[in-house]
N, C-alpha and C. Protein backbone atom coordinates (compact mmCIF):
# COMPACT_ATOMS: atom_id res chain seq x y z
N UNK A 1 4.93 10.81 12.31
CA UNK A 1 3.97 10.59 11.30
C UNK A 1 2.45 10.46 12.19
N UNK A 2 1.67 11.80 11.05
CA UNK A 2 0.37 12.03 11.38
C UNK A 2 -0.45 10.83 11.25
N UNK A 3 -1.72 11.08 11.18
CA UNK A 3 -2.92 9.55 10.90
C UNK A 3 -3.18 9.70 9.56
N UNK A 4 -2.88 10.32 8.88
CA UNK A 4 -2.77 10.80 7.30
C UNK A 4 -1.64 10.13 6.52
N UNK A 5 -0.56 10.39 6.99
CA UNK A 5 0.64 9.72 6.73
C UNK A 5 0.90 8.33 6.11
N UNK A 6 2.21 8.22 5.10
CA UNK A 6 2.12 6.62 4.90
C UNK A 6 3.32 6.57 5.35
N UNK A 7 3.58 5.63 5.59
CA UNK A 7 5.19 4.87 6.75
C UNK A 7 5.99 4.97 5.52
N UNK A 8 7.27 5.79 5.90
CA UNK A 8 8.06 5.69 4.90
C UNK A 8 9.38 4.82 4.79
N UNK A 9 8.99 3.61 5.68
CA UNK A 9 10.28 3.06 5.51
C UNK A 9 9.29 1.15 5.74
N UNK A 10 10.00 0.45 4.93
CA UNK A 10 9.67 -0.87 4.34
C UNK A 10 9.91 -1.85 6.00
N UNK A 11 8.72 -2.64 5.80
CA UNK A 11 9.13 -3.58 6.95
C UNK A 11 9.28 -5.23 6.37
N UNK A 12 10.01 -6.04 6.99
CA UNK A 12 10.22 -7.31 5.94
C UNK A 12 9.86 -8.60 7.69
N UNK A 13 9.07 -8.95 6.89
CA UNK A 13 8.55 -10.46 7.59
C UNK A 13 8.90 -11.85 6.96
N UNK A 14 9.77 -12.29 7.54
CA UNK A 14 10.66 -13.93 7.69
C UNK A 14 10.01 -15.02 8.21
N UNK A 15 8.44 -15.35 7.37
CA UNK A 15 7.96 -16.48 7.99
C UNK A 15 6.79 -16.02 8.34
N UNK A 16 5.31 -16.08 7.22
CA UNK A 16 4.47 -15.72 7.03
C UNK A 16 3.29 -17.08 7.25
N UNK A 17 3.66 -17.76 8.43
CA UNK A 17 2.70 -18.53 8.84
C UNK A 17 1.11 -18.17 10.03
N UNK A 18 1.09 -18.80 10.56
CA UNK A 18 -0.01 -18.38 11.24
C UNK A 18 -0.14 -16.91 12.06
N UNK A 19 1.24 -16.79 12.56
CA UNK A 19 1.54 -15.17 13.14
C UNK A 19 2.15 -14.39 12.44
N UNK A 20 2.90 -15.09 11.18
CA UNK A 20 3.66 -14.02 10.63
C UNK A 20 2.44 -13.17 9.23
N UNK A 21 1.32 -14.10 8.47
CA UNK A 21 0.65 -13.45 7.88
C UNK A 21 -0.66 -12.55 8.91
N UNK A 22 -0.73 -12.67 10.06
CA UNK A 22 -1.52 -11.66 10.32
C UNK A 22 -0.36 -10.05 10.49
N UNK A 23 0.66 -10.47 10.93
CA UNK A 23 1.44 -9.43 11.18
C UNK A 23 1.87 -8.46 9.45
N UNK A 24 1.86 -9.72 8.68
CA UNK A 24 1.88 -8.77 7.01
C UNK A 24 0.52 -8.52 6.71
N UNK A 25 -0.68 -8.90 7.06
CA UNK A 25 -2.10 -8.18 6.96
C UNK A 25 -2.07 -7.20 7.47
N UNK A 26 -1.70 -6.53 8.84
CA UNK A 26 -1.41 -5.57 9.78
C UNK A 26 -0.63 -4.43 8.85
N UNK A 27 0.48 -4.79 9.13
CA UNK A 27 1.29 -3.86 8.26
C UNK A 27 1.14 -3.30 6.99
N UNK A 28 0.13 -4.01 5.85
CA UNK A 28 -0.71 -3.80 4.69
C UNK A 28 -1.48 -2.84 4.82
N UNK A 29 -2.29 -3.39 5.89
CA UNK A 29 -3.49 -2.57 6.07
C UNK A 29 -3.11 -1.48 6.65
N UNK A 30 -2.15 -0.93 7.53
CA UNK A 30 -1.09 0.55 7.54
C UNK A 30 -0.36 0.70 6.72
N UNK A 31 -0.42 0.27 5.59
CA UNK A 31 0.36 0.94 4.39
C UNK A 31 1.68 0.76 4.67
N UNK A 32 2.19 -0.02 5.25
CA UNK A 32 3.85 -0.42 5.24
C UNK A 32 4.18 -0.26 4.19
N UNK A 33 5.32 -0.42 3.40
CA UNK A 33 5.78 -1.35 2.25
C UNK A 33 5.82 -2.56 2.96
N UNK A 34 5.67 -4.20 2.74
CA UNK A 34 5.69 -4.87 2.92
C UNK A 34 6.43 -5.97 2.37
N UNK A 35 7.65 -6.41 3.14
CA UNK A 35 8.39 -7.39 2.15
C UNK A 35 7.99 -8.89 3.17
N UNK A 36 8.13 -10.23 2.43
CA UNK A 36 7.85 -11.05 3.10
C UNK A 36 9.00 -12.02 2.03
N UNK A 37 9.29 -13.31 3.58
CA UNK A 37 9.92 -14.81 2.77
C UNK A 37 9.36 -15.83 3.47
N UNK A 38 9.16 -16.81 2.63
CA UNK A 38 8.59 -17.81 3.73
C UNK A 38 9.25 -19.22 2.55
N UNK A 39 9.76 -20.49 3.43
CA UNK A 39 10.23 -21.09 3.06
C UNK A 39 8.90 -22.26 1.54
N UNK A 40 7.44 -22.26 2.53
CA UNK A 40 6.71 -22.45 1.66
C UNK A 40 6.03 -21.64 0.83
N UNK A 41 6.28 -22.03 -0.63
CA UNK A 41 5.70 -21.44 -2.09
C UNK A 41 4.50 -20.82 -2.03
N UNK A 42 3.24 -21.60 -1.20
CA UNK A 42 2.27 -21.23 -1.49
C UNK A 42 1.94 -20.38 -0.29
N UNK A 43 2.73 -20.34 0.79
CA UNK A 43 2.22 -19.00 1.44
C UNK A 43 2.54 -17.63 1.50
N UNK A 44 3.78 -17.88 0.87
CA UNK A 44 4.34 -16.56 0.31
C UNK A 44 3.48 -16.49 -0.72
N UNK A 45 3.02 -17.11 -1.57
CA UNK A 45 2.20 -16.72 -2.70
C UNK A 45 1.22 -15.74 -2.28
N UNK A 46 0.55 -16.32 -1.11
CA UNK A 46 -0.58 -15.78 -0.22
C UNK A 46 -0.54 -13.81 0.09
N UNK A 47 0.57 -14.26 0.64
CA UNK A 47 1.15 -12.23 0.81
C UNK A 47 1.26 -11.46 -0.43
N UNK A 48 1.65 -12.08 -1.13
CA UNK A 48 2.34 -11.36 -2.17
C UNK A 48 0.71 -10.89 -2.39
N UNK A 49 -0.34 -11.77 -2.92
CA UNK A 49 -1.91 -11.68 -3.54
C UNK A 49 -2.28 -11.16 -2.53
N UNK A 50 -1.93 -10.17 -1.58
CA UNK A 50 -2.84 -9.30 -0.50
C UNK A 50 -1.73 -8.06 -0.66
N UNK A 51 -0.62 -8.00 -0.84
CA UNK A 51 0.26 -6.24 -1.65
C UNK A 51 1.58 -6.66 -1.43
N UNK A 52 1.98 -7.69 -0.43
CA UNK A 52 3.31 -7.62 -0.12
C UNK A 52 4.61 -8.44 -1.48
N UNK A 53 5.73 -7.50 -1.14
CA UNK A 53 6.41 -7.87 -1.96
C UNK A 53 7.35 -9.63 -1.71
N UNK A 54 7.38 -10.48 -2.57
CA UNK A 54 7.76 -11.43 -2.53
C UNK A 54 9.03 -11.76 -2.54
N UNK A 55 10.63 -12.03 -1.84
CA UNK A 55 11.89 -12.44 -1.63
C UNK A 55 11.91 -13.75 -2.28
N UNK A 56 13.23 -14.29 -2.62
CA UNK A 56 13.83 -15.51 -2.61
C UNK A 56 14.29 -16.04 -2.05
N UNK A 57 15.55 -14.87 -0.68
CA UNK A 57 15.98 -15.65 0.06
C UNK A 57 15.52 -14.53 1.68
N UNK A 58 15.99 -14.92 2.43
CA UNK A 58 16.27 -13.70 3.77
C UNK A 58 17.24 -12.86 3.13
N UNK A 59 18.42 -12.73 2.38
CA UNK A 59 19.39 -12.10 2.21
C UNK A 59 18.57 -10.49 1.17
N UNK A 60 18.04 -11.45 0.35
CA UNK A 60 16.93 -10.28 -0.45
C UNK A 60 15.93 -9.03 -0.06
N UNK A 61 15.59 -10.22 1.11
CA UNK A 61 14.42 -9.58 1.54
C UNK A 61 15.26 -8.04 2.90
N UNK A 62 16.17 -8.61 3.68
CA UNK A 62 16.50 -7.59 4.53
C UNK A 62 17.36 -6.42 3.44
N UNK A 63 18.15 -6.70 2.70
CA UNK A 63 18.41 -6.08 1.88
C UNK A 63 17.23 -4.79 1.44
N UNK A 64 15.94 -5.73 0.94
CA UNK A 64 14.93 -4.50 0.75
C UNK A 64 14.32 -3.51 1.78
N UNK A 65 14.98 -3.56 3.26
CA UNK A 65 14.23 -3.18 4.57
C UNK A 65 15.20 -2.19 5.13
N UNK A 66 15.33 -1.28 5.69
CA UNK A 66 15.98 -0.28 6.86
C UNK A 66 15.66 -1.09 8.09
N UNK A 67 16.73 -1.59 8.79
CA UNK A 67 16.43 -2.35 9.90
C UNK A 67 16.39 -1.32 10.66
N UNK A 68 15.39 -1.96 11.68
CA UNK A 68 14.81 -1.04 12.93
C UNK A 68 14.77 -2.26 14.04
N UNK A 69 14.19 -3.21 14.15
CA UNK A 69 14.06 -4.29 15.24
C UNK A 69 13.68 -5.72 14.86
N UNK A 70 13.72 -6.53 15.42
CA UNK A 70 13.74 -8.02 15.20
C UNK A 70 12.61 -8.32 16.23
N UNK A 71 11.90 -10.10 15.75
CA UNK A 71 11.07 -10.09 16.77
C UNK A 71 11.23 -11.60 16.25
N UNK A 72 11.58 -12.80 17.61
CA UNK A 72 12.37 -13.96 17.22
C UNK A 72 11.15 -14.73 18.01
N UNK A 73 10.35 -15.17 17.73
CA UNK A 73 9.33 -16.38 18.12
C UNK A 73 9.92 -18.00 18.22
N UNK A 74 10.48 -18.59 19.71
CA UNK A 74 10.57 -19.91 19.12
C UNK A 74 9.76 -20.63 20.51
N UNK A 75 8.73 -21.52 20.38
CA UNK A 75 8.23 -22.04 20.77
C UNK A 75 7.38 -21.49 21.76
N UNK A 76 7.02 -20.10 21.80
CA UNK A 76 6.17 -19.82 22.41
C UNK A 76 7.34 -18.37 22.99
N UNK A 77 8.27 -18.16 23.19
CA UNK A 77 8.97 -17.19 23.79
C UNK A 77 9.57 -16.10 22.28
N UNK A 78 9.39 -15.32 22.80
CA UNK A 78 9.40 -14.06 22.17
C UNK A 78 10.89 -12.87 22.65
N UNK A 79 11.47 -12.94 21.85
CA UNK A 79 12.77 -11.73 22.33
C UNK A 79 13.11 -10.62 21.02
N UNK A 80 13.08 -9.74 21.33
CA UNK A 80 13.13 -8.20 20.74
C UNK A 80 14.83 -8.06 20.59
N UNK A 81 15.02 -7.88 19.75
CA UNK A 81 16.61 -6.70 19.86
C UNK A 81 16.56 -5.34 18.75
N UNK A 82 16.96 -4.60 19.84
CA UNK A 82 17.35 -3.19 18.85
C UNK A 82 18.24 -3.42 17.92
N UNK A 83 18.49 -2.65 17.15
CA UNK A 83 19.41 -2.72 15.93
C UNK A 83 20.05 -1.67 15.62
């Protein structure tokens, strides 16, 4: 992918809180098709207002994205899983 190419795959973010919203903003700025699911409707609506696609369930979000990797954050520790 060159510097002027638009990314050809969709990225999903589950949880658009303090850290997740930053991820959403960065993905949208880089022109990724960005999908989001958050249990807080206002937070999800904020991501949608920025240009992300909102989903009613994690399953719906996952179905819209091609699996690449996951990052899980739990109490400050992060684990990456290749899919």
